[in-house]
C-alpha atoms as a PDB file:
ATOM      1  CA  MET A   1      20.055  -4.052 -26.058  1.00  0.00           C
ATOM      2  CA  GLY A   2      17.756  -1.578 -24.355  1.00  0.00           C
ATOM      3  CA  THR A   3      18.859   1.784 -23.079  1.00  0.00           C
ATOM      4  CA  LEU A   4      18.621   0.528 -19.471  1.00  0.00           C
ATOM      5  CA  SER A   5      20.511  -2.706 -20.009  1.00  0.00           C
ATOM      6  CA  ASN A   6      22.526  -3.577 -16.873  1.00  0.00           C
ATOM      7  CA  LYS A   7      20.720  -0.864 -14.899  1.00  0.00           C
ATOM      8  CA  THR A   8      18.877  -1.881 -11.733  1.00  0.00           C
ATOM      9  CA  ILE A   9      15.642  -0.082 -10.869  1.00  0.00           C
ATOM     10  CA  PHE A  10      14.177  -0.586  -7.376  1.00  0.00           C
ATOM     11  CA  ILE A  11      10.465   0.344  -7.291  1.00  0.00           C
ATOM     12  CA  THR A  12       8.380   0.390  -4.118  1.00  0.00           C
ATOM     13  CA  GLY A  13       4.648  -0.296  -4.285  1.00  0.00           C
ATOM     14  CA  SER A  14       5.077  -1.884  -7.702  1.00  0.00           C
ATOM     15  CA  SER A  15       2.596  -4.760  -7.595  1.00  0.00           C
ATOM     16  CA  ARG A  16      -0.003  -2.657  -9.435  1.00  0.00           C
ATOM     17  CA  GLY A  17      -0.844   0.797 -10.763  1.00  0.00           C
ATOM     18  CA  ILE A  18       1.850   3.348 -11.573  1.00  0.00           C
ATOM     19  CA  GLY A  19       4.617   1.314  -9.932  1.00  0.00           C
ATOM     20  CA  ARG A  20       3.822  -1.701 -12.099  1.00  0.00           C
ATOM     21  CA  GLU A  21       3.764   0.434 -15.250  1.00  0.00           C
ATOM     22  CA  ILE A  22       7.169   1.947 -14.436  1.00  0.00           C
ATOM     23  CA  ALA A  23       8.467  -1.587 -13.867  1.00  0.00           C
ATOM     24  CA  LEU A  24       7.203  -2.667 -17.291  1.00  0.00           C
ATOM     25  CA  ILE A  25       8.593   0.299 -19.212  1.00  0.00           C
ATOM     26  CA  CYS A  26      11.982  -0.219 -17.592  1.00  0.00           C
ATOM     27  CA  ALA A  27      11.778  -3.908 -18.515  1.00  0.00           C
ATOM     28  CA  GLU A  28      11.104  -2.939 -22.128  1.00  0.00           C
ATOM     29  CA  GLN A  29      14.440  -1.120 -22.010  1.00  0.00           C
ATOM     30  CA  GLY A  30      16.227  -4.214 -20.714  1.00  0.00           C
ATOM     31  CA  ALA A  31      16.557  -3.194 -17.080  1.00  0.00           C
ATOM     32  CA  ASN A  32      16.858  -5.297 -13.974  1.00  0.00           C
ATOM     33  CA  VAL A  33      13.690  -4.482 -12.037  1.00  0.00           C
ATOM     34  CA  VAL A  34      13.111  -4.996  -8.331  1.00  0.00           C
ATOM     35  CA  ILE A  35       9.385  -5.305  -7.681  1.00  0.00           C
ATOM     36  CA  ALA A  36       9.117  -4.428  -4.005  1.00  0.00           C
ATOM     37  CA  ALA A  37       5.630  -4.355  -2.462  1.00  0.00           C
ATOM     38  CA  LYS A  38       3.512  -5.922   0.249  1.00  0.00           C
ATOM     39  CA  SER A  39       1.254  -7.872  -2.135  1.00  0.00           C
ATOM     40  CA  ASP A  40       2.835 -11.296  -2.433  1.00  0.00           C
ATOM     41  CA  LYS A  41      -0.519 -13.123  -2.513  1.00  0.00           C
ATOM     42  CA  PRO A  42      -3.557 -12.355  -4.702  1.00  0.00           C
ATOM     43  CA  HIS A  43      -6.018  -9.836  -3.263  1.00  0.00           C
ATOM     44  CA  PRO A  44      -9.731 -10.590  -3.675  1.00  0.00           C
ATOM     45  CA  LYS A  45     -10.502  -7.075  -4.981  1.00  0.00           C
ATOM     46  CA  LEU A  46      -7.198  -5.834  -6.393  1.00  0.00           C
ATOM     47  CA  PRO A  47      -5.283  -7.336  -9.301  1.00  0.00           C
ATOM     48  CA  GLY A  48      -1.563  -8.004  -9.209  1.00  0.00           C
ATOM     49  CA  THR A  49       1.147  -9.318  -6.909  1.00  0.00           C
ATOM     50  CA  ILE A  50       4.915  -8.898  -6.884  1.00  0.00           C
ATOM     51  CA  HIS A  51       5.115 -12.320  -8.550  1.00  0.00           C
ATOM     52  CA  SER A  52       2.659 -11.575 -11.359  1.00  0.00           C
ATOM     53  CA  VAL A  53       4.502  -8.319 -12.122  1.00  0.00           C
ATOM     54  CA  ALA A  54       7.832 -10.172 -12.057  1.00  0.00           C
ATOM     55  CA  GLU A  55       6.469 -12.504 -14.744  1.00  0.00           C
ATOM     56  CA  GLU A  56       5.350  -9.495 -16.796  1.00  0.00           C
ATOM     57  CA  VAL A  57       8.768  -7.859 -16.409  1.00  0.00           C
ATOM     58  CA  GLU A  58      10.524 -10.996 -17.684  1.00  0.00           C
ATOM     59  CA  ALA A  59       8.083 -11.251 -20.588  1.00  0.00           C
ATOM     60  CA  ALA A  60       8.753  -7.599 -21.493  1.00  0.00           C
ATOM     61  CA  GLY A  61      12.491  -8.193 -21.753  1.00  0.00           C
ATOM     62  CA  GLY A  62      13.787  -7.327 -18.309  1.00  0.00           C
ATOM     63  CA  LYS A  63      15.167  -9.286 -15.391  1.00  0.00           C
ATOM     64  CA  ALA A  64      12.974  -9.386 -12.305  1.00  0.00           C
ATOM     65  CA  LEU A  65      13.416  -9.768  -8.573  1.00  0.00           C
ATOM     66  CA  ALA A  66      10.225  -9.883  -6.496  1.00  0.00           C
ATOM     67  CA  ILE A  67      10.640  -8.846  -2.847  1.00  0.00           C
ATOM     68  CA  LYS A  68       7.879  -8.674  -0.258  1.00  0.00           C
ATOM     69  CA  LEU A  69       8.476  -5.257   1.279  1.00  0.00           C
ATOM     70  CA  ASP A  70       6.872  -3.113   3.955  1.00  0.00           C
ATOM     71  CA  VAL A  71       8.454   0.336   3.678  1.00  0.00           C
ATOM     72  CA  ARG A  72       7.611   0.945   7.354  1.00  0.00           C
ATOM     73  CA  ASP A  73      10.006  -1.823   8.432  1.00  0.00           C
ATOM     74  CA  GLU A  74      13.568  -0.467   8.395  1.00  0.00           C
ATOM     75  CA  ASP A  75      15.196  -3.898   8.731  1.00  0.00           C
ATOM     76  CA  ASN A  76      13.032  -5.258   5.918  1.00  0.00           C
ATOM     77  CA  VAL A  77      14.016  -2.309   3.707  1.00  0.00           C
ATOM     78  CA  ASN A  78      17.733  -2.669   4.431  1.00  0.00           C
ATOM     79  CA  GLN A  79      17.621  -6.396   3.699  1.00  0.00           C
ATOM     80  CA  ALA A  80      15.696  -5.779   0.465  1.00  0.00           C
ATOM     81  CA  MET A  81      18.248  -3.254  -0.781  1.00  0.00           C
ATOM     82  CA  GLN A  82      21.090  -5.627   0.063  1.00  0.00           C
ATOM     83  CA  LEU A  83      19.378  -8.522  -1.730  1.00  0.00           C
ATOM     84  CA  ALA A  84      18.721  -6.355  -4.797  1.00  0.00           C
ATOM     85  CA  ALA A  85      22.345  -5.200  -4.923  1.00  0.00           C
ATOM     86  CA  GLU A  86      23.686  -8.727  -4.446  1.00  0.00           C
ATOM     87  CA  THR A  87      21.360 -10.123  -7.118  1.00  0.00           C
ATOM     88  CA  PHE A  88      22.086  -7.546  -9.801  1.00  0.00           C
ATOM     89  CA  GLY A  89      25.448  -6.105  -8.769  1.00  0.00           C
ATOM     90  CA  GLY A  90      24.139  -2.768  -7.511  1.00  0.00           C
ATOM     91  CA  ILE A  91      21.224  -0.318  -7.566  1.00  0.00           C
ATOM     92  CA  ASP A  92      21.054   2.614 -10.005  1.00  0.00           C
ATOM     93  CA  VAL A  93      17.550   4.017  -9.489  1.00  0.00           C
ATOM     94  CA  LEU A  94      15.134   4.113  -6.563  1.00  0.00           C
ATOM     95  CA  VAL A  95      11.494   4.946  -7.294  1.00  0.00           C
ATOM     96  CA  ASN A  96       9.619   5.930  -4.129  1.00  0.00           C
ATOM     97  CA  ASN A  97       6.162   5.006  -5.374  1.00  0.00           C
ATOM     98  CA  ALA A  98       4.613   3.354  -2.304  1.00  0.00           C
ATOM     99  CA  SER A  99       1.981   5.653  -0.853  1.00  0.00           C
ATOM    100  CA  ALA A 100      -1.238   5.684   1.159  1.00  0.00           C
ATOM    101  CA  ILE A 101      -4.110   8.098   0.545  1.00  0.00           C
ATOM    102  CA  GLN A 102      -6.686   9.538   2.952  1.00  0.00           C
ATOM    103  CA  LEU A 103      -8.862  12.451   1.853  1.00  0.00           C
ATOM    104  CA  THR A 104     -10.257  13.690   5.163  1.00  0.00           C
ATOM    105  CA  ASN A 105      -9.734  16.849   7.182  1.00  0.00           C
ATOM    106  CA  VAL A 106      -8.129  16.914  10.642  1.00  0.00           C
ATOM    107  CA  GLN A 107     -11.412  16.592  12.523  1.00  0.00           C
ATOM    108  CA  ASN A 108     -12.393  13.507  10.549  1.00  0.00           C
ATOM    109  CA  THR A 109      -9.015  11.779  10.442  1.00  0.00           C
ATOM    110  CA  ASP A 110      -8.376   9.026  12.964  1.00  0.00           C
ATOM    111  CA  VAL A 111      -4.912   9.622  14.448  1.00  0.00           C
ATOM    112  CA  LYS A 112      -3.991   5.978  13.911  1.00  0.00           C
ATOM    113  CA  ARG A 113      -4.850   6.424  10.243  1.00  0.00           C
ATOM    114  CA  PHE A 114      -2.634   9.509  10.108  1.00  0.00           C
ATOM    115  CA  ASP A 115       0.187   7.536  11.719  1.00  0.00           C
ATOM    116  CA  LEU A 116      -0.242   4.922   8.974  1.00  0.00           C
ATOM    117  CA  ILE A 117      -0.150   7.309   6.016  1.00  0.00           C
ATOM    118  CA  HIS A 118       2.732   9.260   7.571  1.00  0.00           C
ATOM    119  CA  SER A 119       4.724   6.086   8.199  1.00  0.00           C
ATOM    120  CA  ILE A 120       4.280   4.928   4.593  1.00  0.00           C
ATOM    121  CA  ASN A 121       4.533   8.244   2.761  1.00  0.00           C
ATOM    122  CA  VAL A 122       7.066  10.301   4.712  1.00  0.00           C
ATOM    123  CA  ARG A 123       8.943   7.827   6.852  1.00  0.00           C
ATOM    124  CA  GLY A 124       8.882   5.164   4.132  1.00  0.00           C
ATOM    125  CA  THR A 125      10.391   7.560   1.596  1.00  0.00           C
ATOM    126  CA  LEU A 126      13.113   8.532   4.055  1.00  0.00           C
ATOM    127  CA  VAL A 127      13.875   4.950   5.094  1.00  0.00           C
ATOM    128  CA  CYS A 128      14.023   3.635   1.514  1.00  0.00           C
ATOM    129  CA  SER A 129      16.124   6.556   0.298  1.00  0.00           C
ATOM    130  CA  LYS A 130      18.570   6.245   3.203  1.00  0.00           C
ATOM    131  CA  ALA A 131      18.934   2.502   2.615  1.00  0.00           C
ATOM    132  CA  ALA A 132      19.482   2.936  -1.127  1.00  0.00           C
ATOM    133  CA  ILE A 133      22.036   5.766  -0.989  1.00  0.00           C
ATOM    134  CA  PRO A 134      25.149   3.631  -0.311  1.00  0.00           C
ATOM    135  CA  TYR A 135      24.349   1.566  -3.402  1.00  0.00           C
ATOM    136  CA  LEU A 136      23.361   4.583  -5.517  1.00  0.00           C
ATOM    137  CA  LYS A 137      26.743   6.159  -4.724  1.00  0.00           C
ATOM    138  CA  LYS A 138      28.399   3.189  -6.420  1.00  0.00           C
ATOM    139  CA  GLY A 139      26.058   3.325  -9.412  1.00  0.00           C
ATOM    140  CA  SER A 140      26.382   5.420 -12.532  1.00  0.00           C
ATOM    141  CA  ASN A 141      23.919   8.208 -13.312  1.00  0.00           C
ATOM    142  CA  SER A 142      21.951   7.314 -10.200  1.00  0.00           C
ATOM    143  CA  HIS A 143      18.473   8.678  -9.492  1.00  0.00           C
ATOM    144  CA  ILE A 144      15.919   8.888  -6.713  1.00  0.00           C
ATOM    145  CA  ILE A 145      12.439   9.543  -8.107  1.00  0.00           C
ATOM    146  CA  THR A 146       9.618  10.223  -5.657  1.00  0.00           C
ATOM    147  CA  LEU A 147       5.971  10.301  -6.701  1.00  0.00           C
ATOM    148  CA  SER A 148       4.870  13.444  -4.903  1.00  0.00           C
ATOM    149  CA  PRO A 149       3.565  16.889  -5.894  1.00  0.00           C
ATOM    150  CA  PRO A 150       4.979  20.392  -6.116  1.00  0.00           C
ATOM    151  CA  ILE A 151       4.411  22.153  -2.799  1.00  0.00           C
ATOM    152  CA  ASN A 152       1.377  24.410  -3.220  1.00  0.00           C
ATOM    153  CA  LEU A 153       0.481  26.379  -0.070  1.00  0.00           C
ATOM    154  CA  ALA A 154      -2.672  27.973  -1.487  1.00  0.00           C
ATOM    155  CA  PRO A 155      -5.438  27.995   1.172  1.00  0.00           C
ATOM    156  CA  HIS A 156      -7.760  25.836  -0.909  1.00  0.00           C
ATOM    157  CA  TRP A 157      -5.213  23.009  -0.672  1.00  0.00           C
ATOM    158  CA  MET A 158      -4.673  23.550   3.036  1.00  0.00           C
ATOM    159  CA  LYS A 159      -8.344  23.162   3.897  1.00  0.00           C
ATOM    160  CA  PRO A 160      -9.745  19.831   2.700  1.00  0.00           C
ATOM    161  CA  TYR A 161      -7.306  17.040   3.692  1.00  0.00           C
ATOM    162  CA  ILE A 162      -4.232  18.523   5.330  1.00  0.00           C
ATOM    163  CA  PRO A 163      -3.214  15.215   7.026  1.00  0.00           C
ATOM    164  CA  TYR A 164      -2.682  13.620   3.601  1.00  0.00           C
ATOM    165  CA  THR A 165      -1.337  16.833   2.064  1.00  0.00           C
ATOM    166  CA  LEU A 166       1.230  17.069   4.842  1.00  0.00           C
ATOM    167  CA  THR A 167       2.548  13.604   4.061  1.00  0.00           C
ATOM    168  CA  LYS A 168       2.764  14.146   0.303  1.00  0.00           C
ATOM    169  CA  TYR A 169       4.520  17.492   0.767  1.00  0.00           C
ATOM    170  CA  GLY A 170       6.803  15.730   3.251  1.00  0.00           C
ATOM    171  CA  MET A 171       7.821  13.279   0.522  1.00  0.00           C
ATOM    172  CA  THR A 172       8.632  16.242  -1.711  1.00  0.00           C
ATOM    173  CA  LEU A 173      10.659  18.007   0.990  1.00  0.00           C
ATOM    174  CA  ILE A 174      12.739  14.891   1.606  1.00  0.00           C
ATOM    175  CA  THR A 175      13.451  14.624  -2.113  1.00  0.00           C
ATOM    176  CA  LEU A 176      14.346  18.298  -2.515  1.00  0.00           C
ATOM    177  CA  GLY A 177      16.649  17.967   0.488  1.00  0.00           C
ATOM    178  CA  LEU A 178      18.295  14.862  -0.947  1.00  0.00           C
ATOM    179  CA  ALA A 179      18.904  16.675  -4.227  1.00  0.00           C
ATOM    180  CA  GLU A 180      21.203  19.037  -2.343  1.00  0.00           C
ATOM    181  CA  GLU A 181      22.623  16.494   0.106  1.00  0.00           C
ATOM    182  CA  LEU A 182      23.612  14.153  -2.730  1.00  0.00           C
ATOM    183  CA  ARG A 183      24.583  16.665  -5.406  1.00  0.00           C
ATOM    184  CA  GLU A 184      28.312  16.182  -4.891  1.00  0.00           C
ATOM    185  CA  ASP A 185      27.791  12.430  -5.071  1.00  0.00           C
ATOM    186  CA  GLY A 186      26.246  12.797  -8.537  1.00  0.00           C
ATOM    187  CA  ILE A 187      22.905  11.348  -7.424  1.00  0.00           C
ATOM    188  CA  ALA A 188      19.835  13.105  -8.825  1.00  0.00           C
ATOM    189  CA  ALA A 189      16.680  13.420  -6.707  1.00  0.00           C
ATOM    190  CA  THR A 190      13.476  14.450  -8.445  1.00  0.00           C
ATOM    191  CA  THR A 191       9.738  14.341  -7.808  1.00  0.00           C
ATOM    192  CA  LEU A 192       7.134  13.380 -10.402  1.00  0.00           C
ATOM    193  CA  TRP A 193       3.383  14.051 -10.274  1.00  0.00           C
ATOM    194  CA  PRO A 194       0.572  13.631 -12.813  1.00  0.00           C
ATOM    195  CA  GLN A 195      -1.258  16.527 -14.465  1.00  0.00           C
ATOM    196  CA  THR A 196      -4.464  14.485 -14.394  1.00  0.00           C
ATOM    197  CA  THR A 197      -5.770  11.745 -12.170  1.00  0.00           C
ATOM    198  CA  ILE A 198      -4.383   8.365 -13.123  1.00  0.00           C
ATOM    199  CA  ALA A 199      -6.662   5.340 -13.406  1.00  0.00           C
ATOM    200  CA  THR A 200      -5.485   3.166 -10.530  1.00  0.00           C
ATOM    201  CA  ALA A 201      -7.189   1.222  -7.776  1.00  0.00           C
ATOM    202  CA  ALA A 202      -6.075   3.907  -5.310  1.00  0.00           C
ATOM    203  CA  ILE A 203      -7.885   6.646  -7.255  1.00  0.00           C
ATOM    204  CA  GLU A 204     -10.992   4.508  -7.652  1.00  0.00           C
ATOM    205  CA  PHE A 205     -10.998   3.906  -3.905  1.00  0.00           C
ATOM    206  CA  ALA A 206     -10.258   7.517  -2.912  1.00  0.00           C
ATOM    207  CA  VAL A 207     -12.364   9.582  -5.295  1.00  0.00           C
ATOM    208  CA  GLY A 208     -14.777   7.105  -6.863  1.00  0.00           C
ATOM    209  CA  LYS A 209     -15.228   5.053 -10.003  1.00  0.00           C
ATOM    210  CA  GLU A 210     -16.967   7.952 -11.783  1.00  0.00           C
ATOM    211  CA  PHE A 211     -13.612   9.733 -12.160  1.00  0.00           C
ATOM    212  CA  MET A 212     -11.852   6.797 -13.787  1.00  0.00           C
ATOM    213  CA  ASN A 213     -13.075   7.654 -17.299  1.00  0.00           C
ATOM    214  CA  ARG A 214     -11.786  11.223 -16.822  1.00  0.00           C
ATOM    215  CA  SER A 215      -8.316   9.900 -16.017  1.00  0.00           C
ATOM    216  CA  ARG A 216      -5.239   8.878 -17.935  1.00  0.00           C
ATOM    217  CA  THR A 217      -3.602   5.467 -17.853  1.00  0.00           C
ATOM    218  CA  PRO A 218      -0.469   4.853 -15.750  1.00  0.00           C
ATOM    219  CA  ARG A 219       1.561   4.671 -18.948  1.00  0.00           C
ATOM    220  CA  ILE A 220       1.981   8.457 -19.069  1.00  0.00           C
ATOM    221  CA  MET A 221       3.681   8.438 -15.658  1.00  0.00           C
ATOM    222  CA  ALA A 222       5.883   5.549 -16.744  1.00  0.00           C
ATOM    223  CA  GLU A 223       7.022   7.371 -19.870  1.00  0.00           C
ATOM    224  CA  ALA A 224       7.782  10.484 -17.812  1.00  0.00           C
ATOM    225  CA  ALA A 225       9.711   8.410 -15.261  1.00  0.00           C
ATOM    226  CA  LEU A 226      11.738   6.871 -18.076  1.00  0.00           C
ATOM    227  CA  GLU A 227      12.715  10.336 -19.304  1.00  0.00           C
ATOM    228  CA  ILE A 228      13.972  11.180 -15.821  1.00  0.00           C
ATOM    229  CA  ILE A 229      15.920   7.920 -15.538  1.00  0.00           C
ATOM    230  CA  ARG A 230      17.567   8.567 -18.923  1.00  0.00           C
ATOM    231  CA  SER A 231      18.484  12.154 -18.029  1.00  0.00           C
ATOM    232  CA  GLU A 232      22.110  12.829 -17.153  1.00  0.00           C
ATOM    233  CA  ASN A 233      24.304  15.313 -15.293  1.00  0.00           C
ATOM    234  CA  LEU A 234      21.677  16.036 -12.606  1.00  0.00           C
ATOM    235  CA  GLU A 235      19.485  17.706 -15.261  1.00  0.00           C
ATOM    236  CA  PHE A 236      16.295  17.343 -13.230  1.00  0.00           C
ATOM    237  CA  SER A 237      17.720  17.104  -9.724  1.00  0.00           C
ATOM    238  CA  GLY A 238      15.859  19.296  -7.264  1.00  0.00           C
ATOM    239  CA  LYS A 239      12.929  19.765  -9.635  1.00  0.00           C
ATOM    240  CA  THR A 240       9.254  18.951  -9.030  1.00  0.00           C
ATOM    241  CA  LEU A 241       8.151  17.660 -12.418  1.00  0.00           C
ATOM    242  CA  ILE A 242       4.683  17.158 -13.931  1.00  0.00           C
ATOM    243  CA  ASP A 243       4.286  14.231 -16.327  1.00  0.00           C
ATOM    244  CA  GLU A 244       2.580  16.075 -19.192  1.00  0.00           C
ATOM    245  CA  THR A 245       4.840  19.123 -19.021  1.00  0.00           C
ATOM    246  CA  LEU A 246       7.979  16.982 -19.026  1.00  0.00           C
ATOM    247  CA  LEU A 247       6.827  14.853 -21.959  1.00  0.00           C
ATOM    248  CA  ARG A 248       5.838  17.925 -23.985  1.00  0.00           C
ATOM    249  CA  GLU A 249       9.304  19.353 -23.387  1.00  0.00           C
ATOM    250  CA  ARG A 250      10.722  16.045 -24.611  1.00  0.00           C
ATOM    251  CA  GLY A 251       8.751  16.295 -27.861  1.00  0.00           C
ATOM    252  CA  VAL A 252       5.689  14.176 -27.112  1.00  0.00           C
ATOM    253  CA  THR A 253       2.607  15.571 -28.859  1.00  0.00           C
ATOM    254  CA  ASP A 254       0.083  12.705 -28.773  1.00  0.00           C
ATOM    255  CA  PHE A 255      -1.618  12.612 -25.382  1.00  0.00           C
ATOM    256  CA  GLU A 256      -4.848  11.086 -26.662  1.00  0.00           C
ATOM    257  CA  ARG A 257      -3.298   7.625 -26.369  1.00  0.00           C
ATOM    258  CA  PHE A 258      -3.094   7.999 -22.588  1.00  0.00           C
ATOM    259  CA  LYS A 259      -6.825   8.551 -22.085  1.00  0.00           C
ATOM    260  CA  VAL A 260      -8.816   5.833 -20.374  1.00  0.00           C
ATOM    261  CA  ASP A 261     -11.844   6.891 -22.434  1.00  0.00           C
ATOM    262  CA  PRO A 262     -10.862   8.458 -25.798  1.00  0.00           C
ATOM    263  CA  SER A 263     -14.255  10.196 -26.056  1.00  0.00           C
ATOM    264  CA  VAL A 264     -13.747  12.242 -22.860  1.00  0.00           C
ATOM    265  CA  ASP A 265     -12.140  15.683 -23.157  1.00  0.00           C
ATOM    266  CA  ASP A 266     -12.870  16.936 -19.640  1.00  0.00           C
ATOM    267  CA  LEU A 267     -10.009  15.236 -17.822  1.00  0.00           C
ATOM    268  CA  MET A 268      -9.821  15.425 -14.039  1.00  0.00           C
ATOM    269  CA  GLN A 269      -6.883  17.534 -12.894  1.00  0.00           C
ATOM    270  CA  ASP A 270      -4.871  15.955 -10.108  1.00  0.00           C
ATOM    271  CA  LEU A 271      -4.529  17.263  -6.570  1.00  0.00           C
ATOM    272  CA  PHE A 272      -2.333  20.233  -5.659  1.00  0.00           C
ATOM    273  CA  LEU A 273      -2.251  21.619  -9.218  1.00  0.00           C
ATOM    274  CA  ASP A 274      -3.950  24.904 -10.066  1.00  0.00           C
ATOM    275  CA  SER A 275      -3.244  25.002 -13.797  1.00  0.00           C
END
């Protein structure tokens, strides 16, 4: 039996990229995995649907539940959480992975586009967390993990794309607040962010294909997420963790295996990190 046997992990935005990789690593540990994302039909340019990931989860040794989910729709979210809990007997971990990216400054950001990224990133994180909390309270060693960065108010991060920055920092603030709000309930709330860019369709779209070879694979984020899920007694609650730092602290020394291109040493550092 895996270390997550009988644990139920609800992951938003998990039809591809980092969310999919977290789903698979949890499946390897025998977890029940809820693949909750909008992609229920194949996309002409992007691989993966909730159904294809569900098949991969089952093949990896987990139990899967695929749910078409729009994190902006509160009723949809509440129904999804209820279905997940009824299917597997509860929810132990929520991973707020769903996110939209837009790297433009205020003057070049359409307000409707800002409303979209805010509704997915900030409001979606709040809505999903709120809906999951009643079930997490009944779980054991429950966690909320949000994929958002440490809050860095240096001017060079304020300048280039503050609409997006605002939403990612908003996700972090919600999580830090939940860490305190839920401390007495024994529910940990933690953020996780990559040291380097991660090779996903979102990164390719946002910053260009030329950066993909200077990135790491999503597996590094999945392994870091697994360490958080396994942690106990609120060890990481209220912390803003970086994947590489966390894994080094946990004894991982081989980071070459996470490179997209093993020959590249000049990896691209991710946003909001200065060292």
